PDB file of N, CA and C in Angstrom:
ATOM      1  N   MET A   1      -0.933  16.128   5.585  1.00  0.00           N
ATOM      2  CA  MET A   1      -0.496  14.776   5.328  1.00  0.00           C
ATOM      3  C   MET A   1      -2.092  14.010   4.812  1.00  0.00           C
ATOM      4  N   TYR A   2      -1.698  13.330   4.512  1.00  0.00           N
ATOM      5  CA  TYR A   2      -3.245  12.419   4.199  1.00  0.00           C
ATOM      6  C   TYR A   2      -2.187  10.941   4.309  1.00  0.00           C
ATOM      7  N   SER A   3      -2.732  10.001   5.309  1.00  0.00           N
ATOM      8  CA  SER A   3      -1.779   8.974   5.262  1.00  0.00           C
ATOM      9  C   SER A   3      -3.102   7.355   5.373  1.00  0.00           C
ATOM     10  N   LEU A   4      -2.955   6.946   5.172  1.00  0.00           N
ATOM     11  CA  LEU A   4      -3.514   5.088   4.816  1.00  0.00           C
ATOM     12  C   LEU A   4      -2.826   3.771   5.562  1.00  0.00           C
ATOM     13  N   PHE A   5      -3.150   3.663   6.297  1.00  0.00           N
ATOM     14  CA  PHE A   5      -2.575   2.320   7.084  1.00  0.00           C
ATOM     15  C   PHE A   5      -3.833   0.704   6.583  1.00  0.00           C
ATOM     16  N   ILE A   6      -3.383  -0.229   5.755  1.00  0.00           N
ATOM     17  CA  ILE A   6      -4.419  -0.868   5.262  1.00  0.00           C
ATOM     18  C   ILE A   6      -4.059  -2.314   5.611  1.00  0.00           C
ATOM     19  N   LYS A   7      -4.621  -3.231   6.396  1.00  0.00           N
ATOM     20  CA  LYS A   7      -4.311  -4.046   7.099  1.00  0.00           C
ATOM     21  C   LYS A   7      -5.360  -5.310   5.752  1.00  0.00           C
ATOM     22  N   THR A   8      -4.023  -6.227   5.408  1.00  0.00           N
ATOM     23  CA  THR A   8      -4.812  -7.339   4.132  1.00  0.00           C
ATOM     24  C   THR A   8      -4.825  -8.515   4.673  1.00  0.00           C
ATOM     25  N   ARG A   9      -6.058  -9.657   5.088  1.00  0.00           N
ATOM     26  CA  ARG A   9      -5.460 -11.140   4.679  1.00  0.00           C
ATOM     27  C   ARG A   9      -5.731 -11.603   3.761  1.00  0.00           C
ATOM     28  N   VAL A  10      -4.761 -12.206   3.095  1.00  0.00           N
ATOM     29  CA  VAL A  10      -4.987 -12.866   1.967  1.00  0.00           C
ATOM     30  C   VAL A  10      -5.411 -14.200   2.013  1.00  0.00           C
ATOM     31  N   LYS A  11      -6.218 -14.756   0.847  1.00  0.00           N
ATOM     32  CA  LYS A  11      -6.358 -16.080   0.946  1.00  0.00           C
ATOM     33  C   LYS A  11      -5.057 -16.974   1.071  1.00  0.00           C
ATOM     34  N   PRO A  12      -5.336 -18.557   2.059  1.00  0.00           N
ATOM     35  CA  PRO A  12      -4.239 -18.949   1.922  1.00  0.00           C
ATOM     36  C   PRO A  12      -3.619 -19.590   0.562  1.00  0.00           C
ATOM     37  N   GLY A  13      -2.318 -19.155   0.953  1.00  0.00           N
ATOM     38  CA  GLY A  13      -1.077 -19.640  -0.089  1.00  0.00           C
ATOM     39  C   GLY A  13      -0.542 -18.587  -1.467  1.00  0.00           C
ATOM     40  N   CYS A  14      -1.628 -17.492  -1.069  1.00  0.00           N
ATOM     41  CA  CYS A  14      -1.502 -16.341  -1.794  1.00  0.00           C
ATOM     42  C   CYS A  14      -0.915 -15.557  -1.446  1.00  0.00           C
ATOM     43  N   ALA A  15       0.026 -15.159  -0.150  1.00  0.00           N
ATOM     44  CA  ALA A  15       0.785 -14.290   0.180  1.00  0.00           C
ATOM     45  C   ALA A  15       2.383 -14.247  -0.654  1.00  0.00           C
ATOM     46  N   GLU A  16       2.725 -14.994  -1.396  1.00  0.00           N
ATOM     47  CA  GLU A  16       3.819 -14.232  -1.954  1.00  0.00           C
ATOM     48  C   GLU A  16       3.529 -13.909  -3.236  1.00  0.00           C
ATOM     49  N   ALA A  17       2.438 -14.127  -4.269  1.00  0.00           N
ATOM     50  CA  ALA A  17       1.916 -13.621  -5.324  1.00  0.00           C
ATOM     51  C   ALA A  17       1.379 -11.808  -4.754  1.00  0.00           C
ATOM     52  N   PHE A  18       0.643 -12.224  -3.973  1.00  0.00           N
ATOM     53  CA  PHE A  18       0.345 -10.325  -3.329  1.00  0.00           C
ATOM     54  C   PHE A  18       1.070  -9.843  -3.359  1.00  0.00           C
ATOM     55  N   LEU A  19       2.865  -9.869  -2.584  1.00  0.00           N
ATOM     56  CA  LEU A  19       3.669  -9.542  -2.514  1.00  0.00           C
ATOM     57  C   LEU A  19       4.263  -8.992  -3.566  1.00  0.00           C
ATOM     58  N   THR A  20       4.500  -9.735  -4.253  1.00  0.00           N
ATOM     59  CA  THR A  20       5.118  -9.593  -5.348  1.00  0.00           C
ATOM     60  C   THR A  20       4.548  -8.383  -6.353  1.00  0.00           C
ATOM     61  N   ALA A  21       3.285  -8.470  -6.305  1.00  0.00           N
ATOM     62  CA  ALA A  21       2.587  -7.836  -7.235  1.00  0.00           C
ATOM     63  C   ALA A  21       2.175  -5.891  -6.000  1.00  0.00           C
ATOM     64  N   ILE A  22       2.175  -6.213  -4.910  1.00  0.00           N
ATOM     65  CA  ILE A  22       1.822  -4.755  -4.006  1.00  0.00           C
ATOM     66  C   ILE A  22       3.696  -4.334  -4.183  1.00  0.00           C
ATOM     67  N   LYS A  23       4.493  -5.032  -4.434  1.00  0.00           N
ATOM     68  CA  LYS A  23       5.743  -4.405  -4.235  1.00  0.00           C
ATOM     69  C   LYS A  23       6.117  -3.640  -5.476  1.00  0.00           C
ATOM     70  N   VAL A  24       5.460  -4.033  -6.616  1.00  0.00           N
ATOM     71  CA  VAL A  24       6.083  -3.242  -7.584  1.00  0.00           C
ATOM     72  C   VAL A  24       5.327  -2.083  -7.647  1.00  0.00           C
ATOM     73  N   ASN A  25       4.182  -2.332  -7.123  1.00  0.00           N
ATOM     74  CA  ASN A  25       3.283  -0.814  -7.068  1.00  0.00           C
ATOM     75  C   ASN A  25       3.727   0.099  -6.066  1.00  0.00           C
ATOM     76  N   ALA A  26       4.113  -0.698  -4.682  1.00  0.00           N
ATOM     77  CA  ALA A  26       4.783   0.496  -3.615  1.00  0.00           C
ATOM     78  C   ALA A  26       6.375   1.179  -4.408  1.00  0.00           C
ATOM     79  N   ALA A  27       6.835   0.490  -5.088  1.00  0.00           N
ATOM     80  CA  ALA A  27       8.370   1.167  -5.929  1.00  0.00           C
ATOM     81  C   ALA A  27       8.095   2.424  -6.915  1.00  0.00           C
ATOM     82  N   ALA A  28       6.906   1.745  -7.353  1.00  0.00           N
ATOM     83  CA  ALA A  28       6.737   2.661  -8.491  1.00  0.00           C
ATOM     84  C   ALA A  28       6.094   3.804  -8.226  1.00  0.00           C
ATOM     85  N   SER A  29       4.996   3.430  -6.946  1.00  0.00           N
ATOM     86  CA  SER A  29       4.931   5.101  -6.355  1.00  0.00           C
ATOM     87  C   SER A  29       5.226   6.049  -5.764  1.00  0.00           C
ATOM     88  N   VAL A  30       6.436   5.396  -5.182  1.00  0.00           N
ATOM     89  CA  VAL A  30       7.437   6.265  -3.689  1.00  0.00           C
ATOM     90  C   VAL A  30       8.496   6.561  -5.384  1.00  0.00           C
ATOM     91  N   ALA A  31       8.983   5.730  -6.353  1.00  0.00           N
ATOM     92  CA  ALA A  31       9.709   6.438  -7.063  1.00  0.00           C
ATOM     93  C   ALA A  31       9.212   7.635  -8.550  1.00  0.00           C
ATOM     94  N   ASN A  32       7.713   7.511  -8.818  1.00  0.00           N
ATOM     95  CA  ASN A  32       7.158   8.030 -10.013  1.00  0.00           C
ATOM     96  C   ASN A  32       6.037   9.559  -9.805  1.00  0.00           C
ATOM     97  N   GLU A  33       6.081   9.362  -8.370  1.00  0.00           N
ATOM     98  CA  GLU A  33       4.700  10.087  -7.991  1.00  0.00           C
ATOM     99  C   GLU A  33       5.483  10.923  -6.745  1.00  0.00           C
ATOM    100  N   PRO A  34       5.740  12.379  -7.447  1.00  0.00           N
ATOM    101  CA  PRO A  34       6.121  13.226  -6.307  1.00  0.00           C
ATOM    102  C   PRO A  34       5.343  13.571  -4.880  1.00  0.00           C
ATOM    103  N   GLY A  35       3.503  13.384  -4.828  1.00  0.00           N
ATOM    104  CA  GLY A  35       2.854  13.459  -3.887  1.00  0.00           C
ATOM    105  C   GLY A  35       3.221  12.260  -2.966  1.00  0.00           C
ATOM    106  N   CYS A  36       4.132  11.323  -3.082  1.00  0.00           N
ATOM    107  CA  CYS A  36       3.731   9.816  -2.579  1.00  0.00           C
ATOM    108  C   CYS A  36       4.949  10.014  -1.700  1.00  0.00           C
ATOM    109  N   LEU A  37       5.146  10.032  -0.637  1.00  0.00           N
ATOM    110  CA  LEU A  37       6.208   9.938   0.306  1.00  0.00           C
ATOM    111  C   LEU A  37       6.866   8.747   1.154  1.00  0.00           C
ATOM    112  N   VAL A  38       5.833   8.054   1.238  1.00  0.00           N
ATOM    113  CA  VAL A  38       5.818   6.980   1.833  1.00  0.00           C
ATOM    114  C   VAL A  38       5.112   5.725   1.432  1.00  0.00           C
ATOM    115  N   PHE A  39       5.506   4.437   1.186  1.00  0.00           N
ATOM    116  CA  PHE A  39       3.937   3.075   1.046  1.00  0.00           C
ATOM    117  C   PHE A  39       5.161   2.042   1.166  1.00  0.00           C
ATOM    118  N   ASP A  40       5.235   1.428   2.094  1.00  0.00           N
ATOM    119  CA  ASP A  40       5.924   0.447   2.913  1.00  0.00           C
ATOM    120  C   ASP A  40       5.095  -0.747   3.324  1.00  0.00           C
ATOM    121  N   VAL A  41       5.875  -1.920   2.806  1.00  0.00           N
ATOM    122  CA  VAL A  41       4.858  -3.001   2.520  1.00  0.00           C
ATOM    123  C   VAL A  41       5.770  -4.277   3.997  1.00  0.00           C
ATOM    124  N   SER A  42       4.779  -4.534   4.863  1.00  0.00           N
ATOM    125  CA  SER A  42       4.952  -5.093   5.926  1.00  0.00           C
ATOM    126  C   SER A  42       4.576  -6.327   5.955  1.00  0.00           C
ATOM    127  N   GLN A  43       5.045  -7.445   6.611  1.00  0.00           N
ATOM    128  CA  GLN A  43       4.048  -8.763   6.663  1.00  0.00           C
ATOM    129  C   GLN A  43       4.282  -9.068   8.163  1.00  0.00           C
ATOM    130  N   ASP A  44       3.128  -9.638   8.477  1.00  0.00           N
ATOM    131  CA  ASP A  44       2.923 -10.188  10.068  1.00  0.00           C
ATOM    132  C   ASP A  44       3.917 -11.098  10.152  1.00  0.00           C
ATOM    133  N   ARG A  45       4.634 -11.210  11.798  1.00  0.00           N
ATOM    134  CA  ARG A  45       5.423 -12.235  11.901  1.00  0.00           C
ATOM    135  C   ARG A  45       4.754 -13.522  11.880  1.00  0.00           C
ATOM    136  N   LEU A  46       3.778 -13.482  12.946  1.00  0.00           N
ATOM    137  CA  LEU A  46       3.179 -14.704  13.071  1.00  0.00           C
ATOM    138  C   LEU A  46       2.166 -15.460  12.242  1.00  0.00           C
ATOM    139  N   ASP A  47       1.935 -14.432  11.653  1.00  0.00           N
ATOM    140  CA  ASP A  47       0.936 -14.986  10.474  1.00  0.00           C
ATOM    141  C   ASP A  47       1.192 -14.291   9.319  1.00  0.00           C
ATOM    142  N   PRO A  48       1.705 -14.682   8.280  1.00  0.00           N
ATOM    143  CA  PRO A  48       2.806 -14.414   6.950  1.00  0.00           C
ATOM    144  C   PRO A  48       1.155 -14.222   6.376  1.00  0.00           C
ATOM    145  N   GLU A  49       0.126 -14.667   6.532  1.00  0.00           N
ATOM    146  CA  GLU A  49      -1.600 -14.518   5.419  1.00  0.00           C
ATOM    147  C   GLU A  49      -1.889 -12.844   5.523  1.00  0.00           C
ATOM    148  N   VAL A  50      -1.061 -12.000   6.495  1.00  0.00           N
ATOM    149  CA  VAL A  50      -1.448 -10.689   6.967  1.00  0.00           C
ATOM    150  C   VAL A  50      -0.366  -9.951   6.562  1.00  0.00           C
ATOM    151  N   ILE A  51      -1.461  -9.070   5.809  1.00  0.00           N
ATOM    152  CA  ILE A  51      -0.204  -7.732   5.065  1.00  0.00           C
ATOM    153  C   ILE A  51      -0.267  -6.144   5.321  1.00  0.00           C
ATOM    154  N   TYR A  52       0.585  -5.690   5.657  1.00  0.00           N
ATOM    155  CA  TYR A  52       0.337  -4.518   6.040  1.00  0.00           C
ATOM    156  C   TYR A  52       1.057  -3.020   5.252  1.00  0.00           C
ATOM    157  N   LEU A  53       0.054  -2.767   4.761  1.00  0.00           N
ATOM    158  CA  LEU A  53       0.323  -1.147   3.738  1.00  0.00           C
ATOM    159  C   LEU A  53       0.359   0.169   4.763  1.00  0.00           C
ATOM    160  N   TYR A  54       1.084   0.980   4.729  1.00  0.00           N
ATOM    161  CA  TYR A  54       1.269   1.699   5.342  1.00  0.00           C
ATOM    162  C   TYR A  54       1.924   2.912   4.013  1.00  0.00           C
ATOM    163  N   GLU A  55       1.342   4.194   3.859  1.00  0.00           N
ATOM    164  CA  GLU A  55       1.012   4.867   2.474  1.00  0.00           C
ATOM    165  C   GLU A  55       0.963   6.222   3.220  1.00  0.00           C
ATOM    166  N   ILE A  56       1.855   7.416   2.827  1.00  0.00           N
ATOM    167  CA  ILE A  56       2.271   8.713   2.878  1.00  0.00           C
ATOM    168  C   ILE A  56       1.290   9.608   1.928  1.00  0.00           C
ATOM    169  N   TYR A  57       0.914  10.638   1.599  1.00  0.00           N
ATOM    170  CA  TYR A  57       0.876  11.558   0.764  1.00  0.00           C
ATOM    171  C   TYR A  57       0.707  13.059   0.911  1.00  0.00           C
ATOM    172  N   GLN A  58       1.183  13.473   0.132  1.00  0.00           N
ATOM    173  CA  GLN A  58       1.454  14.673   0.312  1.00  0.00           C
ATOM    174  C   GLN A  58       0.102  15.573   1.205  1.00  0.00           C
ATOM    175  N   ASP A  59      -0.932  15.096   0.489  1.00  0.00           N
ATOM    176  CA  ASP A  59      -2.389  15.342   0.524  1.00  0.00           C
ATOM    177  C   ASP A  59      -2.912  14.475  -0.134  1.00  0.00           C
ATOM    178  N   ASP A  60      -4.354  14.880   0.053  1.00  0.00           N
ATOM    179  CA  ASP A  60      -5.441  13.453  -0.386  1.00  0.00           C
ATOM    180  C   ASP A  60      -5.406  13.815  -1.975  1.00  0.00           C
ATOM    181  N   ALA A  61      -5.128  15.109  -2.693  1.00  0.00           N
ATOM    182  CA  ALA A  61      -5.501  15.384  -4.714  1.00  0.00           C
ATOM    183  C   ALA A  61      -3.829  14.225  -4.449  1.00  0.00           C
ATOM    184  N   ALA A  62      -3.028  14.234  -3.892  1.00  0.00           N
ATOM    185  CA  ALA A  62      -1.758  12.874  -4.467  1.00  0.00           C
ATOM    186  C   ALA A  62      -2.210  11.815  -3.818  1.00  0.00           C
ATOM    187  N   TYR A  63      -3.080  11.323  -3.301  1.00  0.00           N
ATOM    188  CA  TYR A  63      -3.597  10.078  -3.364  1.00  0.00           C
ATOM    189  C   TYR A  63      -4.602   9.674  -4.598  1.00  0.00           C
ATOM    190  N   GLU A  64      -5.224  10.575  -4.422  1.00  0.00           N
ATOM    191  CA  GLU A  64      -6.281  10.493  -5.826  1.00  0.00           C
ATOM    192  C   GLU A  64      -5.483  10.496  -7.170  1.00  0.00           C
ATOM    193  N   ALA A  65      -4.086  11.400  -7.418  1.00  0.00           N
ATOM    194  CA  ALA A  65      -3.336  10.776  -7.977  1.00  0.00           C
ATOM    195  C   ALA A  65      -2.799   9.302  -8.331  1.00  0.00           C
ATOM    196  N   HIS A  66      -2.667   8.873  -7.232  1.00  0.00           N
ATOM    197  CA  HIS A  66      -1.868   7.609  -6.924  1.00  0.00           C
ATOM    198  C   HIS A  66      -2.804   6.589  -7.762  1.00  0.00           C
ATOM    199  N   THR A  67      -4.064   7.221  -7.671  1.00  0.00           N
ATOM    200  CA  THR A  67      -5.364   5.791  -8.314  1.00  0.00           C
ATOM    201  C   THR A  67      -5.240   5.773  -9.108  1.00  0.00           C
ATOM    202  N   GLN A  68      -5.181   6.918 -10.008  1.00  0.00           N
ATOM    203  CA  GLN A  68      -5.050   7.099 -11.511  1.00  0.00           C
ATOM    204  C   GLN A  68      -4.069   6.591 -12.299  1.00  0.00           C
ATOM    205  N   THR A  69      -3.072   6.294 -11.448  1.00  0.00           N
ATOM    206  CA  THR A  69      -1.452   5.607 -12.220  1.00  0.00           C
ATOM    207  C   THR A  69      -1.581   4.522 -12.402  1.00  0.00           C
ATOM    208  N   ALA A  70      -1.371   4.215 -14.010  1.00  0.00           N
ATOM    209  CA  ALA A  70      -0.800   3.047 -14.502  1.00  0.00           C
ATOM    210  C   ALA A  70      -0.579   1.717 -13.701  1.00  0.00           C
ATOM    211  N   HIS A  71       0.622   2.146 -12.506  1.00  0.00           N
ATOM    212  CA  HIS A  71       0.618   0.916 -11.798  1.00  0.00           C
ATOM    213  C   HIS A  71      -0.107   0.768 -10.532  1.00  0.00           C
ATOM    214  N   PHE A  72      -0.677   1.191 -10.381  1.00  0.00           N
ATOM    215  CA  PHE A  72      -2.137   1.364  -9.446  1.00  0.00           C
ATOM    216  C   PHE A  72      -3.078   0.560 -10.239  1.00  0.00           C
ATOM    217  N   ARG A  73      -3.266   1.149 -11.553  1.00  0.00           N
ATOM    218  CA  ARG A  73      -3.937   0.258 -11.882  1.00  0.00           C
ATOM    219  C   ARG A  73      -3.670  -0.930 -12.588  1.00  0.00           C
ATOM    220  N   ASP A  74      -2.571  -1.456 -12.889  1.00  0.00           N
ATOM    221  CA  ASP A  74      -2.311  -2.447 -13.289  1.00  0.00           C
ATOM    222  C   ASP A  74      -2.400  -3.226 -12.027  1.00  0.00           C
ATOM    223  N   SER A  75      -1.707  -3.059 -10.830  1.00  0.00           N
ATOM    224  CA  SER A  75      -1.683  -3.683  -9.769  1.00  0.00           C
ATOM    225  C   SER A  75      -3.200  -4.872  -8.900  1.00  0.00           C
ATOM    226  N   ARG A  76      -4.323  -3.822  -9.372  1.00  0.00           N
ATOM    227  CA  ARG A  76      -5.498  -4.093  -8.727  1.00  0.00           C
ATOM    228  C   ARG A  76      -6.105  -5.506  -9.219  1.00  0.00           C
ATOM    229  N   PRO A  77      -5.721  -5.822 -10.471  1.00  0.00           N
ATOM    230  CA  PRO A  77      -6.595  -6.937 -11.363  1.00  0.00           C
ATOM    231  C   PRO A  77      -5.400  -8.223 -10.531  1.00  0.00           C
ATOM    232  N   LEU A  78      -4.372  -7.898 -10.159  1.00  0.00           N
ATOM    233  CA  LEU A  78      -3.540  -9.001  -9.445  1.00  0.00           C
ATOM    234  C   LEU A  78      -3.856  -9.089  -8.256  1.00  0.00           C
ATOM    235  N   VAL A  79      -4.032  -8.243  -7.787  1.00  0.00           N
ATOM    236  CA  VAL A  79      -4.289  -8.339  -5.729  1.00  0.00           C
ATOM    237  C   VAL A  79      -5.259  -8.495  -5.191  1.00  0.00           C
ATOM    238  N   GLU A  80      -6.158  -8.046  -5.847  1.00  0.00           N
ATOM    239  CA  GLU A  80      -8.137  -7.907  -5.708  1.00  0.00           C
ATOM    240  C   GLU A  80      -8.449  -9.699  -5.066  1.00  0.00           C
ATOM    241  N   PRO A  81      -8.021 -10.356  -6.759  1.00  0.00           N
ATOM    242  CA  PRO A  81      -8.635 -11.987  -6.223  1.00  0.00           C
ATOM    243  C   PRO A  81      -7.737 -12.626  -5.007  1.00  0.00           C
ATOM    244  N   LEU A  82      -7.114 -12.024  -4.478  1.00  0.00           N
ATOM    245  CA  LEU A  82      -5.999 -12.574  -3.250  1.00  0.00           C
ATOM    246  C   LEU A  82      -6.851 -12.257  -2.092  1.00  0.00           C
ATOM    247  N   ILE A  83      -6.955 -11.178  -1.874  1.00  0.00           N
ATOM    248  CA  ILE A  83      -7.599 -10.923  -0.798  1.00  0.00           C
ATOM    249  C   ILE A  83      -9.078 -11.633  -0.385  1.00  0.00           C
ATOM    250  N   ALA A  84      -8.537 -11.701   0.733  1.00  0.00           N
ATOM    251  CA  ALA A  84      -9.830 -12.384   1.939  1.00  0.00           C
ATOM    252  C   ALA A  84     -10.427 -11.693   2.634  1.00  0.00           C
ATOM    253  N   GLU A  85      -9.952 -10.721   2.989  1.00  0.00           N
ATOM    254  CA  GLU A  85     -10.892  -9.347   3.799  1.00  0.00           C
ATOM    255  C   GLU A  85      -9.274  -8.117   3.964  1.00  0.00           C
ATOM    256  N   GLN A  86     -10.318  -7.509   4.186  1.00  0.00           N
ATOM    257  CA  GLN A  86      -9.192  -6.008   3.712  1.00  0.00           C
ATOM    258  C   GLN A  86      -9.485  -5.038   4.975  1.00  0.00           C
ATOM    259  N   ASP A  87      -8.946  -4.173   5.767  1.00  0.00           N
ATOM    260  CA  ASP A  87      -9.301  -2.992   6.867  1.00  0.00           C
ATOM    261  C   ASP A  87      -8.829  -1.813   6.596  1.00  0.00           C
ATOM    262  N   CYS A  88      -9.376  -0.947   6.672  1.00  0.00           N
ATOM    263  CA  CYS A  88      -8.456   0.175   5.965  1.00  0.00           C
ATOM    264  C   CYS A  88      -8.694   1.647   6.763  1.00  0.00           C
ATOM    265  N   PHE A  89      -7.579   2.267   7.059  1.00  0.00           N
ATOM    266  CA  PHE A  89      -7.609   3.386   7.831  1.00  0.00           C
ATOM    267  C   PHE A  89      -7.259   4.251   7.431  1.00  0.00           C
ATOM    268  N   GLU A  90      -7.580   5.688   7.548  1.00  0.00           N
ATOM    269  CA  GLU A  90      -7.475   6.605   6.904  1.00  0.00           C
ATOM    270  C   GLU A  90      -7.089   7.547   8.569  1.00  0.00           C
ATOM    271  N   SER A  91      -5.939   8.723   8.425  1.00  0.00           N
ATOM    272  CA  SER A  91      -5.446   9.254   9.347  1.00  0.00           C
ATOM    273  C   SER A  91      -4.588  10.615   8.286  1.00  0.00           C
ATOM    274  N   ASP A  92      -4.912  11.698   9.371  1.00  0.00           N
ATOM    275  CA  ASP A  92      -3.452  13.050   9.387  1.00  0.00           C
ATOM    276  C   ASP A  92      -2.859  12.566   9.466  1.00  0.00           C
ATOM    277  N   VAL A  93      -1.619  12.759   9.090  1.00  0.00           N
ATOM    278  CA  VAL A  93      -0.150  12.610   9.971  1.00  0.00           C
ATOM    279  C   VAL A  93       0.214  13.781  10.731  1.00  0.00           C
ATOM    280  N   ILE A  94       0.396  13.750  11.625  1.00  0.00           N
ATOM    281  CA  ILE A  94       0.716  15.015  12.425  1.00  0.00           C
ATOM    282  C   ILE A  94       2.404  15.193  12.934  1.00  0.00           C
ATOM    283  N   ALA A  95       2.892  14.808  12.788  1.00  0.00           N
ATOM    284  CA  ALA A  95       4.521  14.601  13.168  1.00  0.00           C
ATOM    285  C   ALA A  95       5.259  13.485  12.411  1.00  0.00           C
ATOM    286  N   ARG A  96       6.330  13.661  11.326  1.00  0.00           N
ATOM    287  CA  ARG A  96       6.506  12.899  10.860  1.00  0.00           C
ATOM    288  C   ARG A  96       8.123  12.455  10.934  1.00  0.00           C
ATOM    289  N   ASN A  97       8.668  11.439  11.395  1.00  0.00           N
ATOM    290  CA  ASN A  97      10.151  11.500  11.990  1.00  0.00           C
ATOM    291  C   ASN A  97      11.429  12.018  10.953  1.00  0.00           C
ATOM    292  N   PRO A  98      12.357  12.045  10.489  1.00  0.00           N
ATOM    293  CA  PRO A  98      13.449  12.335   9.424  1.00  0.00           C
ATOM    294  C   PRO A  98      13.496  10.909   8.881  1.00  0.00           C
ATOM    295  N   GLY A  99      13.546  10.944   7.768  1.00  0.00           N
ATOM    296  CA  GLY A  99      13.891   9.594   7.055  1.00  0.00           C
ATOM    297  C   GLY A  99      15.219   9.409   7.293  1.00  0.00           C
ATOM    298  N   PHE A 100      15.171   8.090   6.820  1.00  0.00           N
ATOM    299  CA  PHE A 100      16.920   7.147   7.315  1.00  0.00           C
ATOM    300  C   PHE A 100      17.333   7.289   5.895  1.00  0.00           C
TER     301      PHE A 100
END
């Protein structure tokens, strides 16, 4: 399984707009993409302008399919202007705990 962890710092005052747009993408990804197993959105407790995304895909092909969806493409022009900086970490999932 392919995993993506993204740490995003949004521009001052842009957290709510970013969260609104990214939550739509996350919900549609999990609901409509069989290869998207997890798409979690978190906000830092100490710095609300830092947003974390944690995504798990069945494989690299499932992630590539994700980037071709309408909800992904529609979210890009909404979120990209709000981003001050972003770090992306890719990994292979070794073990996954059962869902709740």
